[in-house]
Amino acid sequence: MRRRFGIVATIAVAYITGLIPTITFDGFFEPAFYISIFSLGMLAAEIRLSQKPKFISIKNSLPWNLLSIIFVAIGFIYEWKN
């Protein structure tokens, strides 16, 4: 699907696929949301390993070290408060 429709469509379908059981069963089937998280990992791997010019520009234009520290800190703060 990624090659035919692109990475954005793949992530959108993964999020919808992960949210439908969670919403339908009122949070009972929450692990289905891991499909969405997996799709974000696919995007990260695509950015890291791709030789396509648009992914190379994304890889070189963002401060990935700083972003990873910020997101890990947000995750720790969010879990600490809960």
N, C-alpha and C. Protein backbone atom coordinates (compact mmCIF):
# COMPACT_ATOMS: atom_id res chain seq x y z
N MET A 1 0.82 -1.18 0.00
CA MET A 1 0.00 0.00 0.00
C MET A 1 0.87 1.26 0.00
N ARG A 2 1.99 1.20 0.72
CA ARG A 2 2.86 2.37 0.80
C ARG A 2 3.39 2.78 -0.56
N ARG A 3 3.77 1.81 -1.37
CA ARG A 3 4.32 2.14 -2.69
C ARG A 3 3.26 2.67 -3.63
N ARG A 4 2.05 2.20 -3.48
CA ARG A 4 1.00 2.61 -4.41
C ARG A 4 0.38 3.95 -4.03
N PHE A 5 0.09 4.14 -2.72
CA PHE A 5 -0.64 5.34 -2.30
C PHE A 5 0.21 6.33 -1.51
N GLY A 6 1.38 5.91 -1.07
CA GLY A 6 2.25 6.81 -0.33
C GLY A 6 2.21 6.57 1.17
N ILE A 7 3.16 7.16 1.85
CA ILE A 7 3.30 6.93 3.29
C ILE A 7 2.19 7.61 4.08
N VAL A 8 1.70 8.75 3.63
CA VAL A 8 0.64 9.46 4.36
C VAL A 8 -0.64 8.64 4.36
N ALA A 9 -1.00 8.07 3.22
CA ALA A 9 -2.20 7.23 3.15
C ALA A 9 -2.04 5.98 4.00
N THR A 10 -0.86 5.41 4.04
CA THR A 10 -0.62 4.22 4.86
C THR A 10 -0.79 4.54 6.33
N ILE A 11 -0.27 5.66 6.78
CA ILE A 11 -0.41 6.05 8.19
C ILE A 11 -1.87 6.36 8.50
N ALA A 12 -2.57 7.02 7.60
CA ALA A 12 -3.99 7.32 7.82
C ALA A 12 -4.81 6.04 7.96
N VAL A 13 -4.58 5.08 7.09
CA VAL A 13 -5.31 3.81 7.17
C VAL A 13 -4.96 3.07 8.46
N ALA A 14 -3.71 3.12 8.86
CA ALA A 14 -3.30 2.46 10.11
C ALA A 14 -3.97 3.10 11.32
N TYR A 15 -4.05 4.42 11.34
CA TYR A 15 -4.71 5.09 12.46
C TYR A 15 -6.19 4.76 12.50
N ILE A 16 -6.83 4.78 11.35
CA ILE A 16 -8.25 4.43 11.31
C ILE A 16 -8.47 2.99 11.74
N THR A 17 -7.63 2.09 11.26
CA THR A 17 -7.72 0.68 11.63
C THR A 17 -7.51 0.50 13.13
N GLY A 18 -6.63 1.26 13.72
CA GLY A 18 -6.39 1.16 15.15
C GLY A 18 -7.46 1.81 15.99
N LEU A 19 -8.10 2.85 15.47
CA LEU A 19 -9.12 3.56 16.24
C LEU A 19 -10.49 2.90 16.19
N ILE A 20 -10.83 2.25 15.11
CA ILE A 20 -12.17 1.66 14.97
C ILE A 20 -12.47 0.68 16.11
N PRO A 21 -11.61 -0.31 16.39
CA PRO A 21 -11.95 -1.22 17.50
C PRO A 21 -11.96 -0.52 18.86
N THR A 22 -11.07 0.46 19.04
CA THR A 22 -11.01 1.18 20.31
C THR A 22 -12.29 1.97 20.54
N ILE A 23 -12.78 2.65 19.53
CA ILE A 23 -14.00 3.43 19.66
C ILE A 23 -15.22 2.52 19.73
N THR A 24 -15.26 1.49 18.90
CA THR A 24 -16.41 0.61 18.84
C THR A 24 -16.63 -0.13 20.16
N PHE A 25 -15.55 -0.63 20.76
CA PHE A 25 -15.68 -1.41 21.98
C PHE A 25 -15.39 -0.59 23.23
N ASP A 26 -15.49 0.74 23.12
CA ASP A 26 -15.36 1.66 24.25
C ASP A 26 -14.05 1.47 25.02
N GLY A 27 -12.97 1.35 24.30
CA GLY A 27 -11.65 1.25 24.90
C GLY A 27 -11.26 -0.15 25.35
N PHE A 28 -12.15 -1.12 25.17
CA PHE A 28 -11.84 -2.49 25.60
C PHE A 28 -10.71 -3.10 24.78
N PHE A 29 -10.69 -2.80 23.50
CA PHE A 29 -9.69 -3.37 22.60
C PHE A 29 -8.62 -2.35 22.29
N GLU A 30 -8.07 -1.74 23.32
CA GLU A 30 -7.11 -0.66 23.16
C GLU A 30 -5.79 -1.06 22.51
N PRO A 31 -5.29 -2.29 22.64
CA PRO A 31 -4.02 -2.63 21.99
C PRO A 31 -4.06 -2.51 20.46
N ALA A 32 -5.24 -2.39 19.86
CA ALA A 32 -5.30 -2.20 18.41
C ALA A 32 -4.65 -0.89 18.01
N PHE A 33 -4.52 0.05 18.95
CA PHE A 33 -3.89 1.33 18.65
C PHE A 33 -2.40 1.17 18.37
N TYR A 34 -1.81 0.04 18.75
CA TYR A 34 -0.40 -0.21 18.47
C TYR A 34 -0.13 -0.29 16.96
N ILE A 35 -1.16 -0.59 16.18
CA ILE A 35 -1.01 -0.57 14.72
C ILE A 35 -0.61 0.83 14.28
N SER A 36 -1.22 1.84 14.88
CA SER A 36 -0.91 3.23 14.54
C SER A 36 0.52 3.58 14.93
N ILE A 37 0.94 3.13 16.09
CA ILE A 37 2.30 3.41 16.54
C ILE A 37 3.32 2.72 15.63
N PHE A 38 2.98 1.51 15.20
CA PHE A 38 3.86 0.80 14.26
C PHE A 38 4.01 1.58 12.95
N SER A 39 2.91 2.19 12.48
CA SER A 39 2.99 2.95 11.23
C SER A 39 3.90 4.17 11.38
N LEU A 40 3.93 4.77 12.57
CA LEU A 40 4.86 5.89 12.78
C LEU A 40 6.31 5.40 12.78
N GLY A 41 6.54 4.19 13.26
CA GLY A 41 7.87 3.59 13.17
C GLY A 41 8.27 3.34 11.73
N MET A 42 7.28 2.94 10.91
CA MET A 42 7.55 2.78 9.47
C MET A 42 7.97 4.10 8.85
N LEU A 43 7.28 5.18 9.24
CA LEU A 43 7.64 6.50 8.73
C LEU A 43 9.05 6.89 9.15
N ALA A 44 9.40 6.62 10.41
CA ALA A 44 10.74 6.94 10.89
C ALA A 44 11.80 6.16 10.12
N ALA A 45 11.54 4.89 9.87
CA ALA A 45 12.49 4.08 9.10
C ALA A 45 12.60 4.58 7.67
N GLU A 46 11.48 5.00 7.11
CA GLU A 46 11.48 5.53 5.74
C GLU A 46 12.32 6.81 5.67
N ILE A 47 12.15 7.68 6.65
CA ILE A 47 12.93 8.92 6.67
C ILE A 47 14.41 8.62 6.85
N ARG A 48 14.72 7.67 7.70
CA ARG A 48 16.12 7.36 8.01
C ARG A 48 16.84 6.66 6.87
N LEU A 49 16.17 5.73 6.19
CA LEU A 49 16.86 4.87 5.23
C LEU A 49 16.59 5.18 3.76
N SER A 50 15.62 6.03 3.48
CA SER A 50 15.24 6.28 2.09
C SER A 50 16.28 7.14 1.36
N GLN A 51 16.37 6.91 0.07
CA GLN A 51 17.23 7.72 -0.78
C GLN A 51 16.42 8.73 -1.60
N LYS A 52 15.12 8.83 -1.32
CA LYS A 52 14.27 9.80 -2.03
C LYS A 52 14.61 11.21 -1.55
N PRO A 53 14.65 12.16 -2.47
CA PRO A 53 15.05 13.53 -2.10
C PRO A 53 14.18 14.17 -1.01
N LYS A 54 12.86 13.92 -1.03
CA LYS A 54 12.02 14.57 -0.02
C LYS A 54 12.30 14.03 1.38
N PHE A 55 12.60 12.72 1.50
CA PHE A 55 12.91 12.17 2.81
C PHE A 55 14.32 12.57 3.26
N ILE A 56 15.23 12.71 2.33
CA ILE A 56 16.58 13.17 2.67
C ILE A 56 16.52 14.60 3.19
N SER A 57 15.69 15.44 2.58
CA SER A 57 15.57 16.82 3.05
C SER A 57 14.92 16.88 4.43
N ILE A 58 13.95 16.00 4.70
CA ILE A 58 13.35 15.95 6.04
C ILE A 58 14.40 15.51 7.05
N LYS A 59 15.16 14.49 6.69
CA LYS A 59 16.19 13.96 7.60
C LYS A 59 17.23 15.02 7.93
N ASN A 60 17.61 15.82 6.97
CA ASN A 60 18.66 16.81 7.18
C ASN A 60 18.16 18.13 7.73
N SER A 61 16.86 18.38 7.67
CA SER A 61 16.36 19.70 8.06
C SER A 61 15.90 19.79 9.51
N LEU A 62 15.63 18.67 10.16
CA LEU A 62 15.11 18.72 11.52
C LEU A 62 16.19 18.33 12.53
N PRO A 63 16.16 18.96 13.71
CA PRO A 63 17.13 18.61 14.77
C PRO A 63 16.64 17.36 15.52
N TRP A 64 16.94 16.18 15.01
CA TRP A 64 16.36 14.94 15.53
C TRP A 64 16.79 14.66 16.96
N ASN A 65 18.01 14.99 17.33
CA ASN A 65 18.46 14.75 18.71
C ASN A 65 17.63 15.56 19.70
N LEU A 66 17.43 16.83 19.40
CA LEU A 66 16.64 17.69 20.27
C LEU A 66 15.18 17.23 20.32
N LEU A 67 14.63 16.87 19.17
CA LEU A 67 13.23 16.41 19.13
C LEU A 67 13.05 15.13 19.95
N SER A 68 14.00 14.22 19.88
CA SER A 68 13.86 12.98 20.66
C SER A 68 13.92 13.26 22.15
N ILE A 69 14.78 14.17 22.59
CA ILE A 69 14.85 14.53 24.01
C ILE A 69 13.55 15.17 24.46
N ILE A 70 13.00 16.06 23.64
CA ILE A 70 11.74 16.73 23.99
C ILE A 70 10.60 15.72 24.10
N PHE A 71 10.48 14.81 23.13
CA PHE A 71 9.38 13.85 23.16
C PHE A 71 9.52 12.84 24.30
N VAL A 72 10.73 12.44 24.62
CA VAL A 72 10.93 11.54 25.77
C VAL A 72 10.57 12.27 27.06
N ALA A 73 10.95 13.53 27.18
CA ALA A 73 10.60 14.31 28.38
C ALA A 73 9.09 14.46 28.50
N ILE A 74 8.41 14.74 27.40
CA ILE A 74 6.95 14.84 27.42
C ILE A 74 6.33 13.52 27.86
N GLY A 75 6.84 12.42 27.34
CA GLY A 75 6.33 11.11 27.73
C GLY A 75 6.52 10.83 29.21
N PHE A 76 7.70 11.14 29.75
CA PHE A 76 7.94 10.93 31.17
C PHE A 76 7.04 11.80 32.03
N ILE A 77 6.89 13.06 31.66
CA ILE A 77 6.03 13.97 32.43
C ILE A 77 4.58 13.50 32.39
N TYR A 78 4.12 13.08 31.22
CA TYR A 78 2.74 12.62 31.10
C TYR A 78 2.50 11.37 31.94
N GLU A 79 3.41 10.41 31.90
CA GLU A 79 3.24 9.19 32.69
C GLU A 79 3.41 9.45 34.18
N TRP A 80 4.27 10.39 34.53
CA TRP A 80 4.49 10.70 35.93
C TRP A 80 3.25 11.32 36.54
N LYS A 81 2.55 12.18 35.80
CA LYS A 81 1.34 12.83 36.31
C LYS A 81 0.18 11.85 36.41
N ASN A 82 0.19 10.80 35.62
CA ASN A 82 -0.91 9.81 35.68
C ASN A 82 -0.53 8.77 36.69
